[in-house]
Structures are given as structure tokens and as C-alpha cells.
Protein backbone atom coordinates (compact mmCIF):
# COMPACT_ATOMS: atom_id res chain seq x y z
CA MET A 1 57.77 120.14 101.27
CA GLU A 2 55.51 121.74 103.86
CA ARG A 3 56.00 118.79 106.23
CA LEU A 4 59.75 118.62 105.55
CA LEU A 5 60.21 122.32 106.28
CA ALA A 6 58.29 121.93 109.55
CA ALA A 7 60.71 119.28 110.83
CA ASP A 8 63.10 119.83 113.76
CA GLU A 9 65.61 117.51 112.12
CA VAL A 10 65.86 115.58 108.85
CA ILE A 11 67.48 112.17 108.32
CA LYS A 12 68.70 112.02 104.72
CA SER A 13 69.33 108.86 102.74
CA PRO A 14 72.98 108.80 101.57
CA GLY A 15 71.79 108.33 97.98
CA ILE A 16 70.17 111.79 97.89
CA PRO A 17 72.68 114.46 96.76
CA GLU A 18 73.10 117.77 98.54
CA LYS A 19 72.01 119.57 95.37
CA ALA A 20 68.55 117.99 95.40
CA PRO A 21 65.99 120.87 95.62
CA ALA A 22 64.38 119.43 98.76
CA VAL A 23 67.73 119.21 100.58
CA MET A 24 68.70 122.73 99.52
CA ALA A 25 65.40 124.08 100.83
CA ILE A 26 65.86 122.28 104.16
CA ARG A 27 69.42 123.61 104.50
CA GLU A 28 68.28 127.13 103.61
CA LYS A 29 65.84 127.06 106.51
CA GLY A 30 68.62 126.00 108.89
CA ILE A 31 67.11 122.61 109.74
CA PRO A 32 69.82 120.09 110.76
CA VAL A 33 70.32 117.26 108.26
CA ILE A 34 71.86 114.05 109.66
CA SER A 35 72.51 110.50 108.49
CA GLU A 36 70.82 107.36 109.73
CA MET A 37 74.11 106.48 111.49
CA GLU A 38 73.99 109.65 113.58
CA PHE A 39 70.34 109.05 114.46
CA ALA A 40 70.65 105.36 115.38
CA SER A 41 73.79 105.87 117.49
CA ARG A 42 71.73 107.84 120.01
CA TYR A 43 69.89 104.66 120.95
CA MET A 44 72.65 102.01 121.02
CA GLY A 45 73.34 102.28 124.74
CA ARG A 46 76.76 101.01 125.84
CA ALA A 47 77.43 99.06 122.64
CA LYS A 48 80.63 99.76 120.73
CA THR A 49 81.32 100.21 117.04
CA ILE A 50 83.96 99.19 114.52
CA CYS A 51 83.53 101.48 111.52
CA ILE A 52 85.19 100.85 108.17
CA THR A 53 85.56 103.28 105.28
CA GLY A 54 87.83 103.81 102.28
CA SER A 55 87.55 104.13 98.52
CA ASN A 56 88.23 100.39 98.12
CA GLY A 57 88.27 97.27 100.24
CA LYS A 58 85.57 98.34 102.70
CA THR A 59 83.11 95.53 101.98
CA THR A 60 85.69 92.74 102.12
CA THR A 61 87.28 94.18 105.28
CA THR A 62 83.91 94.76 106.96
CA SER A 63 82.74 91.22 106.13
CA LEU A 64 86.01 89.75 107.43
CA ILE A 65 85.86 91.74 110.68
CA TYR A 66 82.27 90.62 111.23
CA LYS A 67 83.23 86.97 110.60
CA ILE A 68 86.12 87.16 113.08
CA MET A 69 83.97 88.82 115.77
CA ARG A 70 81.07 86.40 115.31
CA GLU A 71 83.29 83.31 115.34
CA ALA A 72 84.95 84.63 118.50
CA GLY A 73 81.54 84.35 120.15
CA MET A 74 80.87 88.07 120.37
CA ASN A 75 77.36 89.50 120.26
CA VAL A 76 77.81 91.45 117.01
CA SER A 77 75.72 93.00 114.22
CA LEU A 78 76.72 93.78 110.62
CA GLY A 79 75.31 96.92 109.04
CA GLY A 80 75.70 100.35 107.48
CA ASN A 81 76.49 100.25 103.78
CA ILE A 82 76.07 96.43 103.78
CA GLY A 83 73.98 94.03 105.85
CA GLU A 84 71.04 95.44 107.77
CA SER A 85 70.27 99.08 108.33
CA PHE A 86 72.07 100.25 111.48
CA ALA A 87 68.85 101.81 112.77
CA TYR A 88 66.94 98.55 112.21
CA SER A 89 69.59 96.59 114.15
CA VAL A 90 69.46 99.05 117.05
CA ALA A 91 65.65 99.07 117.07
CA THR A 92 65.07 95.31 116.96
CA ALA A 93 67.84 93.72 119.06
CA GLU A 94 70.58 94.45 121.57
CA TYR A 95 74.20 93.96 120.52
CA ASP A 96 77.53 94.57 122.21
CA TRP A 97 79.28 95.46 118.94
CA TYR A 98 78.17 96.98 115.64
CA VAL A 99 80.45 96.42 112.64
CA LEU A 100 79.56 99.18 110.18
CA GLU A 101 80.72 99.82 106.63
CA LEU A 102 80.44 103.56 106.03
CA SER A 103 80.40 105.41 102.72
CA SER A 104 81.55 109.00 102.39
CA PHE A 105 77.89 110.01 102.00
CA GLN A 106 77.01 108.40 105.35
CA LEU A 107 79.98 110.05 107.03
CA ASP A 108 78.87 113.44 105.73
CA GLY A 109 75.81 113.36 107.99
CA MET A 110 77.63 112.31 111.19
CA TYR A 111 78.45 114.88 113.88
CA ARG A 112 78.42 113.43 117.42
CA PHE A 113 78.80 109.81 116.33
CA LYS A 114 82.06 108.18 117.43
CA ALA A 115 83.75 105.05 116.09
CA ASP A 116 85.36 103.07 118.92
CA VAL A 117 87.56 101.42 116.30
CA ALA A 118 87.88 103.40 113.05
CA VAL A 119 89.33 101.70 109.96
CA LEU A 120 90.46 103.82 106.98
CA MET A 121 91.55 101.56 104.10
CA ASN A 122 92.66 104.16 101.55
CA ILE A 123 91.57 107.39 99.84
CA THR A 124 91.59 107.58 96.04
CA PRO A 125 89.42 109.71 93.72
CA ASP A 126 85.82 108.49 93.67
CA HIS A 127 82.33 110.02 93.60
CA LEU A 128 83.84 113.33 92.55
CA ASP A 129 80.55 114.15 90.82
CA ARG A 130 79.06 114.48 94.34
CA TYR A 131 81.96 116.62 95.64
CA ASP A 132 82.07 119.42 93.07
CA TYR A 133 84.84 117.51 91.28
CA LYS A 134 87.20 118.54 94.11
CA PHE A 135 89.26 115.66 95.50
CA GLN A 136 89.93 117.52 98.78
CA ASN A 137 86.19 117.65 99.51
CA TYR A 138 86.03 113.87 99.19
CA ILE A 139 89.18 113.47 101.34
CA ASP A 140 87.64 115.65 104.07
CA SER A 141 84.55 113.45 103.99
CA LYS A 142 86.55 110.23 104.47
CA MET A 143 88.57 111.72 107.34
CA ARG A 144 85.34 112.19 109.32
CA ILE A 145 85.78 108.53 110.32
CA ILE A 146 88.05 109.70 113.20
CA ARG A 147 85.69 112.47 114.34
CA ASN A 148 85.17 112.50 118.13
CA GLN A 149 87.66 109.69 118.79
CA ASN A 150 89.45 109.84 122.17
CA THR A 151 92.25 108.06 124.07
CA ARG A 152 90.08 104.94 124.48
CA SER A 153 89.51 104.70 120.69
CA ALA A 154 91.64 103.00 118.04
CA PHE A 155 92.45 104.15 114.51
CA VAL A 156 93.50 101.54 111.93
CA TYR A 157 94.82 103.02 108.67
CA SER A 158 97.03 102.38 105.65
CA ALA A 159 100.52 103.78 106.14
CA ASP A 160 101.15 103.16 102.42
CA ASP A 161 98.44 105.57 101.33
CA GLU A 162 100.05 108.90 100.43
CA VAL A 163 96.79 110.85 100.71
CA ILE A 164 96.20 109.64 104.29
CA ALA A 165 99.85 110.37 105.17
CA ALA A 166 99.44 113.96 103.96
CA GLU A 167 96.21 114.42 105.95
CA LEU A 168 97.23 113.05 109.37
CA PRO A 169 99.39 116.03 110.41
CA LYS A 170 96.30 118.25 110.09
CA TYR A 171 94.51 116.40 112.92
CA ASP A 172 94.87 116.02 116.66
CA LEU A 173 95.14 112.23 117.09
CA PRO A 174 94.57 111.26 120.75
CA MET A 175 93.53 107.67 119.91
CA ARG A 176 95.67 104.52 119.62
CA GLN A 177 97.13 104.54 116.11
CA LEU A 178 97.40 101.14 114.38
CA PRO A 179 98.94 101.50 110.89
CA PHE A 180 99.32 98.68 108.34
CA ALA A 181 101.70 98.66 105.37
CA ALA A 182 103.42 96.62 102.68
CA LYS A 183 105.61 99.26 101.02
CA CYS A 184 106.96 101.53 103.74
CA ALA A 185 108.57 101.10 107.15
CA VAL A 186 105.87 101.37 109.80
CA ALA A 187 105.91 101.29 113.58
CA SER A 188 103.59 102.44 116.32
CA SER A 189 103.87 102.01 120.05
CA SER A 190 100.22 100.92 120.15
CA GLY A 191 100.56 98.28 117.39
CA ASP A 192 100.94 97.80 113.66
CA ALA A 193 100.93 95.30 110.78
CA PHE A 194 103.53 94.83 108.06
CA LEU A 195 103.75 92.58 105.00
CA THR A 196 107.24 91.18 104.47
CA GLU A 197 108.98 90.12 101.25
CA ASP A 198 108.63 86.52 102.46
CA GLY A 199 104.87 86.75 101.95
CA GLU A 200 103.88 86.91 105.62
CA PHE A 201 102.38 89.68 107.68
CA THR A 202 102.78 90.12 111.40
CA THR A 203 100.12 92.02 113.31
CA ARG A 204 100.61 93.38 116.83
CA VAL A 205 98.26 95.26 119.15
CA GLY A 206 99.66 95.84 122.61
CA LYS A 207 101.09 92.50 123.79
CA LYS A 208 99.02 90.40 121.39
CA SER A 209 100.40 89.39 118.00
CA LEU A 210 99.91 86.92 115.14
CA THR A 211 101.59 86.03 111.86
CA ILE A 212 99.69 85.14 108.66
CA ASP A 213 101.09 83.27 105.64
CA VAL A 214 99.51 85.17 102.73
CA SER A 215 99.97 82.23 100.32
CA LYS A 216 97.51 80.20 102.42
CA LEU A 217 94.70 82.78 102.23
CA LYS A 218 91.63 82.07 100.09
CA ILE A 219 91.54 85.74 99.10
CA LYS A 220 94.42 86.64 96.76
CA GLY A 221 96.23 89.81 95.70
CA LEU A 222 97.94 92.71 97.47
CA HIS A 223 94.60 94.42 98.15
CA ASN A 224 93.44 91.40 100.15
CA SER A 225 96.66 91.44 102.19
CA TYR A 226 95.77 95.02 103.11
CA ASN A 227 92.19 93.98 103.91
CA SER A 228 93.40 91.12 106.12
CA MET A 229 95.93 93.27 107.99
CA ALA A 230 93.27 95.91 108.69
CA ALA A 231 90.79 93.29 109.91
CA ALA A 232 93.41 91.69 112.16
CA LEU A 233 94.35 95.04 113.75
CA ALA A 234 90.71 96.05 114.26
CA THR A 235 89.64 92.79 115.89
CA LEU A 236 92.72 92.52 118.11
CA ALA A 237 91.91 96.08 119.24
CA ALA A 238 88.36 94.91 120.00
CA GLY A 239 89.70 92.14 122.25
CA VAL A 240 89.61 89.02 120.06
CA GLU A 241 92.36 86.49 120.77
CA PRO A 242 95.09 86.15 118.09
CA GLU A 243 94.43 82.43 117.48
CA GLN A 244 90.78 83.12 116.63
CA VAL A 245 91.69 86.04 114.36
CA ALA A 246 94.12 83.84 112.39
CA GLU A 247 91.67 80.94 112.11
CA SER A 248 88.90 83.16 110.71
CA ILE A 249 91.20 84.96 108.26
CA TYR A 250 92.46 81.67 106.80
CA ASP A 251 88.86 80.45 106.43
CA PHE A 252 87.51 83.63 104.75
CA SER A 253 86.26 83.33 101.14
CA PRO A 254 86.00 86.14 98.53
CA VAL A 255 83.10 88.59 98.75
CA GLU A 256 80.49 88.34 95.98
CA HIS A 257 81.19 90.64 92.97
CA ARG A 258 84.77 91.33 94.12
CA LEU A 259 87.26 89.29 92.04
CA GLU A 260 84.75 86.44 92.28
CA PRO A 261 85.45 83.39 90.07
CA ALA A 262 82.43 82.88 87.79
CA GLY A 263 83.64 79.72 86.05
CA GLU A 264 86.24 78.24 83.70
CA ARG A 265 85.87 76.40 80.41
CA ASP A 266 88.31 75.47 77.65
CA GLY A 267 91.16 77.14 79.52
CA VAL A 268 89.42 80.53 79.83
CA GLU A 269 88.56 81.77 83.32
CA TRP A 270 85.79 84.32 83.88
CA ILE A 271 86.02 86.69 86.86
CA ASN A 272 83.23 88.91 88.19
CA ASP A 273 84.66 92.12 89.67
CA SER A 274 81.51 94.19 89.18
CA LYS A 275 82.05 95.90 92.55
CA ALA A 276 85.13 97.64 91.07
CA THR A 277 83.32 100.92 90.39
CA ASN A 278 86.42 103.15 90.49
CA VAL A 279 89.94 103.26 89.05
CA ASP A 280 91.71 102.19 92.25
CA SER A 281 89.63 99.00 92.53
CA VAL A 282 90.51 98.09 88.95
CA TRP A 283 94.20 98.83 89.66
CA TYR A 284 94.20 96.13 92.34
CA ALA A 285 92.24 93.76 90.09
CA LEU A 286 94.72 94.13 87.21
CA GLU A 287 97.64 93.96 89.64
CA SER A 288 96.48 90.49 90.76
CA MET A 289 96.08 89.09 87.21
CA THR A 290 98.67 86.49 86.16
CA ARG A 291 97.26 85.60 82.70
CA PRO A 292 96.48 87.63 79.54
CA VAL A 293 93.32 89.66 80.21
CA VAL A 294 90.22 90.38 78.15
CA TRP A 295 88.98 93.34 80.19
CA ILE A 296 85.32 94.45 80.21
CA ALA A 297 84.96 98.03 81.49
CA GLY A 298 82.62 101.00 81.29
CA GLY A 299 79.41 102.47 82.64
CA THR A 300 78.68 105.83 84.23
CA ASP A 301 82.00 107.68 84.54
CA LYS A 302 82.42 109.51 87.87
CA GLY A 303 85.23 111.81 86.76
CA ASN A 304 87.80 109.01 86.39
CA ASP A 305 91.50 109.51 85.69
CA TYR A 306 92.56 106.31 83.89
CA GLU A 307 96.29 107.13 83.83
CA PRO A 308 97.19 104.81 86.78
CA LEU A 309 95.76 101.82 84.88
CA LYS A 310 97.78 102.26 81.70
CA PRO A 311 101.00 100.47 82.79
CA PHE A 312 99.03 97.35 83.75
CA ALA A 313 96.85 97.67 80.64
CA ARG A 314 99.95 97.72 78.40
CA GLN A 315 101.48 94.79 80.22
CA LYS A 316 98.49 92.51 80.81
CA VAL A 317 95.42 93.45 78.74
CA LYS A 318 95.16 91.92 75.25
CA ALA A 319 91.68 93.33 74.58
CA LEU A 320 89.44 95.98 76.14
CA ILE A 321 85.69 95.69 75.69
CA CYS A 322 83.88 98.93 76.49
CA MET A 323 80.37 98.29 77.79
CA GLY A 324 78.28 101.41 78.26
CA VAL A 325 75.92 103.96 76.79
CA ASP A 326 78.86 106.34 76.23
CA ASN A 327 82.27 104.71 75.66
CA GLU A 328 84.01 107.76 74.20
CA LYS A 329 86.32 108.46 77.16
CA LEU A 330 87.50 104.84 77.49
CA LEU A 331 88.12 104.61 73.75
CA LYS A 332 90.14 107.82 73.80
CA GLU A 333 92.20 106.88 76.88
CA PHE A 334 93.17 103.34 75.85
CA THR A 335 93.62 103.64 72.08
CA GLY A 336 97.31 102.88 71.51
CA VAL A 337 97.60 101.35 75.00
CA VAL A 338 95.62 98.11 74.43
CA PRO A 339 96.02 96.26 71.09
CA THR A 340 92.31 95.54 70.58
CA ILE A 341 89.40 97.75 71.70
CA VAL A 342 85.74 96.96 71.04
CA SER A 343 82.84 99.32 71.77
CA THR A 344 79.56 97.68 72.84
CA SER A 345 76.32 99.04 74.28
CA SER A 346 74.88 95.99 76.09
CA LEU A 347 75.97 93.12 78.31
CA GLU A 348 75.05 90.56 75.63
CA GLU A 349 77.17 92.30 73.01
CA ALA A 350 80.10 92.69 75.42
CA MET A 351 80.00 89.05 76.53
CA GLN A 352 79.86 87.75 72.97
CA SER A 353 82.89 89.90 72.13
CA ALA A 354 84.75 88.59 75.19
CA GLN A 355 84.01 85.01 74.21
CA ARG A 356 85.21 85.65 70.66
CA LEU A 357 88.44 87.40 71.71
CA SER A 358 89.50 85.02 74.51
CA GLU A 359 91.46 81.82 74.09
CA SER A 360 92.87 79.08 76.32
CA GLY A 361 95.08 80.61 79.03
CA ASP A 362 93.20 83.93 79.15
CA THR A 363 91.13 85.60 81.86
CA VAL A 364 87.93 87.47 81.03
CA LEU A 365 87.69 90.15 83.72
CA LEU A 366 84.59 92.27 84.35
CA SER A 367 86.12 95.18 86.27
CA PRO A 368 84.19 98.26 85.12
CA ALA A 369 85.89 101.26 86.86
CA CYS A 370 82.50 102.98 86.54
CA ALA A 371 79.08 103.03 88.18
CA SER A 372 76.46 100.71 86.71
CA PHE A 373 73.48 103.01 86.34
CA ASP A 374 73.57 103.46 82.57
CA LEU A 375 72.66 99.83 81.77
CA PHE A 376 71.95 98.20 85.15
CA LYS A 377 70.15 98.80 88.45
CA SER A 378 73.31 98.38 90.55
CA TYR A 379 76.74 96.77 90.53
CA GLU A 380 75.09 93.67 92.09
CA HIS A 381 72.64 93.49 89.18
CA ARG A 382 75.51 93.85 86.71
CA GLY A 383 77.54 91.11 88.42
CA LYS A 384 74.57 88.78 88.68
CA LEU A 385 73.80 89.08 84.95
CA PHE A 386 77.49 88.51 84.14
CA LYS A 387 77.55 85.27 86.17
CA GLU A 388 74.25 84.07 84.70
CA TRP A 389 75.54 84.65 81.16
CA VAL A 390 78.70 82.65 81.91
CA VAL A 391 76.64 79.74 83.25
CA GLU A 392 74.22 79.72 80.28
CA ASN A 393 76.64 80.44 77.43
CA VAL A 394 79.98 79.08 78.63
CA LEU A 395 79.63 76.41 81.29
CA LYS A 396 76.53 74.65 79.92
CA LYS A 397 77.82 74.38 76.35
């Protein structure tokens, strides 16, 4: 503590909460606390950034943007919340572009940092335990993505998201605005993207445009149409040619742990959606399901409101398997909504229940809606163990 309190400035890991005693002591002394993003940006020279945030879809969109940029021959690095540390990339090589996935916690420590292209996928309740259980605090954090943007910057955002729509009038928006939508009429003089009822989306930035046939994408579901529209807008804004953008989007495969097929046997498909750590992610997962679902959910609840999931649960879920140390909230919320509910306290117990309750034509979906820290090290660890169990106990038998 003596050394910390003697510092001119402190770079805080995003995983350390503001209420940690060390952080409170540093704040009390008036020492500036910044994120690694803020620190590293001071040393990136003339390089530019594409920064992606949102409650859901960030990793898929970030990965897709990076793929498009790289395949277009650009000198680009992937970092932030995925890939390498931004600071490590800046310190060890020179890039023209940095594609950065940013969590709300990373945004909280950014002050002078500017995103040349900012991408805001959506804002739905998440991590409320870190924001005093006040949704507005979390919203304010996400909106920091447009901080310091100017007339040379671009802002890609969901025009369908009601929370974003309510926030935009509060801000001075000098940058090029590039909205994308599937549900509402959208138009911007700078450019936009819109999904039609015919299953195509057209993306335009300035004089450049492209049209994508959603049925030909390797990534399925409405959420992936949003992800693809956002990636197309961001990369066109960064100067990639439309033909290259389309080619890379058609070639893009699902991100690990996000609606990732884990195998199929005897007519039952197993899907690993371990990255779905909040209600909105699970909403999109259930929305994309076309077969009866045996749904595995649970973990560390972050202040979830499960009400939005109930219509899909009634319509599509034949059995809910609760997998966590404390399943009380899930049991209470879905009793009377889902015909069969089973409470388990380990992966092994949950998987055995799923195998017993599923039959030919069903989908077993791991889509937890919760953090993983009660039984696992991370959502990656949870997803990895799920896939390994499927291989050993389903596919090999």
C-alpha cells in the first residue's frame, strides 16, 4: 500500500472492483486511476483504432472486423478484452490499426482515449453488481465508447436498441453516424445498414455499398445479422473495399463458446453457448433455436431479470436444468413456465440429466445467463468441459 499510495498514477486491471480497499485508498488520496487502454494509447503514434463494446455480440463482431481487416491486407492487431493485451501489442510491434474489444470496466478507466471507429452493439442489464445495481450507471459506462470522438470519427450503433436511442439525444454527436437495424426504419446521410424481410442486408458508407444474403452466412440467427452489419459498417468506414468485406463475412465461422456446435448423436444436437453470461445473450440463443430445447442454465447471478426469456421458454424449452451452487432464483422464476425443471450442483450431474431428458430431434443448449465463477474458472473453462463431456459420453459411445 505504501508504494501504491506513492504513485503518480495507477493502472487498474478491469477485474478489480472500485470497492476494493486498495482502490478506495488510492482514490481517497486523489491519485488518478486509469485503464491499460488509456495508458497504451499514449504510445501508439499515428495508428488508428476500431473499438467495439456492447452487452452482447462484442467478441463475434470484434473477431469478424479483425478478419476483414487482416484479409484486406491491412497491418492490424487484435486486442483489448480478447486477443493480446493492447499495451503488449503497442510495446512489441507497430500497427496501423488496433481492433479492440472493450468491456464496460475498461471503458471506465478511459479519459483522453479516442476511438476512431466506435461500435456500440447494444446495452442491456449486465454486471449490475459492479454498478450499485443501477442500470443507468452501466449505461453511462458503455456510452464512454464515443468519448472524445470528432468529425473525423465514425460511430456504428444499433438503431433497434431502445436504450441507445434514449441516450443519444443527451450527447453532442459530431462524428459520422452509421446506424444498423432490422426492426425500425433507419437512415443516415453518412451511411447505414438494414436487414430486409427478404433476408438480405444492404450496408452503405459514403459511396460504397454491399448486399449480404443472410441465408448464406455460416453464423446464424438475428444476433449474427446484427454482428455482421456492424462489422461491415465499421470496416467500410476504415477504408476496406466492399468486395473484400463481403468475402470475409461469408467465410466467417462461429466464435468458440458462442452458439458453437459441440456434436450430434442419435438425433440430439449439443450446443455450447457458455459465453452467454447474461439474459440478453440467452434471448438471442433461444430466439435462434428451431427444435425443442433442453436448456442448461445457472451460475453466479449478476442481478438478472429473467422476464424477457419467459415467452421463448414457454414456446421452445421442454426442460430446464439448473447448474449452480444456488439455483433458487432460476427455480422460482421458471416454475410453471417450463414443464420440467431439474436442480443440479455440478456439470456431471447436469449433463447426465440433459442426456436423460433429451430425445431425437432435440437440442441440448448450454446457455447459462450467469457468470461461471461458482463452479468454474471462467466461461471458457465451463464451455471446454461441456465439449469434452459431449465427446467422451455422447460421441464416443
